[in-house]
Amino acid sequence: MPLCELRNVGKSYGAGATRTEVLRDVNLEIEKGEFVAVVGYSGAGKTTLMSLVAGLLRPDAGVVKLNGKEVEGPGPDRGVIFQNYSLLPWLTVYENVYLAVDQIFSSWPAERKREHAERYIAMVKLTAARDKKPAQLSGGMRQRVSVARALAMDPEVLLMDEPFGALDALTRATLQDETARIWRATQKTVLLITNDVDEGILLADRIIPLSKGPGATLGPGIVVDLDRPRDRKALNHDPRFKEIRGAVISYLLGPGAGPRAGTSASGEARASEAVA
């Protein structure tokens, strides 16, 4: 049984003549420990998809499940990393992370909570900045705090909603490498939403294109069977990288460019066929 599952999911906004169908017939399975990237056009419904998994929205059709149970709202089993950091500006790095730990593990002794928060601050290499507030941090450092806060909650699924989209290219590359390192260390189940095909291939086990809306749906998943750790410079010369990249872009510019394109994406058999 997959850890996370979406079956025939649809979502619309508005009513009557103003009703807009954002997602249609979305099918997705994510296995425990898998890193999946969904890549698509801006405005296609990627954030809506993430919000459905997070429980921030309910589908109009279909069902979203985690561990075989229907998702009915937000919960500590899903940690979300937003593009805009979502930090409390009056709290320090340590306090932002500790607050999440205190809410999730309220029965723990204070010393254990402190050690737990400090561990994840160290994991994202922010120990030296633990007492600084968000206004004193760079964009990349703020996003590291968001990552530490989400991981400190020890969620079953880590949801990353275009987490590097607001960053400059160099900082983005650095945090991509840090994300890959942290994933190898924690083996968390991750769903990454991005509009960067190369980012998805660099980080994920499987990359799935989302067609253009309205009525966006998932195209065929493609297994990213490239050795880890991945070197971004070496990837540019790897034939398999080029093959995967070409398959994703071909879908997005071809079948995925239409409002009713796509099928489903739920496993390695279909994924391998997509680039055969």
Foldseek 3Di string as FASTA:
>chain_A
DAQKWWAQFWAWDDDDPPIFTQAGGETEGFHQLFAEEEAEDVPSCLVVVLCCQQFVDPTPDTFIDGPRHTRNHHDLLEQEQEQVLPFDQVAFLLVRQLVLLCVLPVVDPPVVSSVLLCVLCVLLPNNVRRRPGPVVDDLLNSSSSSVSSSVSSVHQEYEYEQNCVVDDPVSSVVVLLSVQVVCVVVSHHYYYYYNDLLSRLQRGQKYWYWAGADHIYIAEIAGSPDDPPDDSVVLVVDPSSVLSSVLRVCCRVPQRDDHPGHDYYYDHVRNHVSSD
